[in-house]
Each structure stands twice: as C-alpha cells, then as structure tokens.
Amino acid sequence: MLRKKKMLVYDYLPNGSLHSLLHGNRGPGRIPLDWTTRISLVLGAARGLAHIHEEYADSRIPHGNVKSSNVLLDKNGVACISDFGLSLLLNPVHATARLGGYKAPEQSEIKRLSQKSDVYSFGVLLLEVLTGKAPSEYPSPTRPRDEEEELPVDLPKWVRSVVRDEWTAEVFDQELLRYKNIEEELVSMLHVAMACVVPLPEIRPTMVEVVKLIEEIRVEQSPLGEDYDESRNSLSPSLATTEDGLPGY
C-alpha cells in the first residue's frame, strides 16, 4: 500500500543565490558583482517580501528566514525570494536559530517570528550587499567552540561602530569603491539598511515602505573605473532588472 507524501514543488532557479554571488569566490579570479546589479537584486527581494507581508497582512504571517542564500536567481537573473513558510512548520526555537546573524534582537528572548523581524533580517541582507561581509552564523550551543574560532560578528553593530567613528567609507565593499559618483547612492542605501535594523521592532519601516525608499534612490548604470573589465561581470544589469521578485513556486 502506497503512503501519501506531501512535496514542495518550485520553479527551477539555475543562477544560484545572492550569497554565492557575493561570497562565492574572493580570489584572483573573482567576478565582481556591480552596483546596479546588486541594487536590482535587493529591490527584487524587497518587492517579493513586501508582497508576502501584504498578502498575509491580516494574519501577519512572516517569511521567517530572510537571508542572502534564500534570494535565488532565475534563468534571466531575476531575484526570487525562496523558503517562504517552511519556518512556520518548525519549533519556534529551531526556526529562530536558523536565522543566525540575520536574527532580530527581540528574537533572542521571545523566540518568535514576525513581519518586523523579517524587516530586520532584510536590513542585515542590505548591509551584507553594501559591505561585502557575510553575517556570521552563530555556532550551535551543542558544538564545542574551537579556541581559535572567531567570535560571531554582529554586522549592524559593526557598521554602527564604524559610522560613529566617522569612517563611513570603510563600511563599503572595496569592490564598490572602484565605481565613480555613487557615494550618495551608497550612503542613501546605508540609511535604508540602518532604518531596518533599529533595535525596537515598532520603529522599523514596513517592507512596502522599504521598497519605496529603495526605488527613490536614483541608480543609473554603474559608472566604471578605468580598470574595470566588463567581460568579467557574469550578470549584466539588464538581466538583474526585476518586475516583482515574487517567490518561485
């Protein structure tokens, strides 16, 4: 007698994740992800997350696991936000533990997912795109810590400390600093990210507001430095442009 099994079926998204594009290869053969493409991808993810929040506004169902490894790219380079709903099937403690460095401060106490904690996670994702640094995954409490293992980095806390010391330029990914005349756009996007990661959840913007803030930042084709080789960029800005960034089902 055959047992009935439930399966999740999604569209095939062949171009990897935002995480792999940002952190996959930092060696000499590194293919940089240009500024225009980065913003197109995060805007697509923001629109997808805003759609989820609006669709479930009455029940306030969150995504529950917003991180760069869950922003996947389809065959045209369009950003799709994946893994929606799976966290709701888990024990709350396990669900929040999956977030690692994307976890909102209030989740350390209440162990509960919310749309406002999604906003915080998205803010960390924005900081990741701006800084080129991956939020450290917090080690499992059951796994012994290696004496030489680095302590986990709180990305929002690190950015605040750098900005407070008036070293704002030190925040941004060195790969972005080769582009000309984008300083204002970088700082504007940093303001959006920091609004998302304020400690008090009630002060954070909604994802609809975040989308509007990102759309208001004027992003033209990335101005290229003299040493930039366009053939080394695997994703052209045109491929990364997205209409809605909805989840791939």
Foldseek 3Di string as FASTA:
>chain_A
DDDDDDDDDFDDAPPAWQVCLLPVDPDPLRQHAEDLLLLLQLLLVLLQQLVVCVVCVPVQQHQQADARRQFTAHPLQETAGDSGPPLVVDDLQVSQLNNFLLAAPCCVPPSDDGQLSVLSSSLVRLLCSFQSDHFDGQDDPVDDDDPPDDHTDNSLVVQVVCVVVVNNVNSGHPVHVLFPDCVVVSVLSNVLSNLSRDNDSVSRDGSVVSSVSSVPRDDDQTHGHPPDDVVSHPRHSVSSHDDRNHHTD
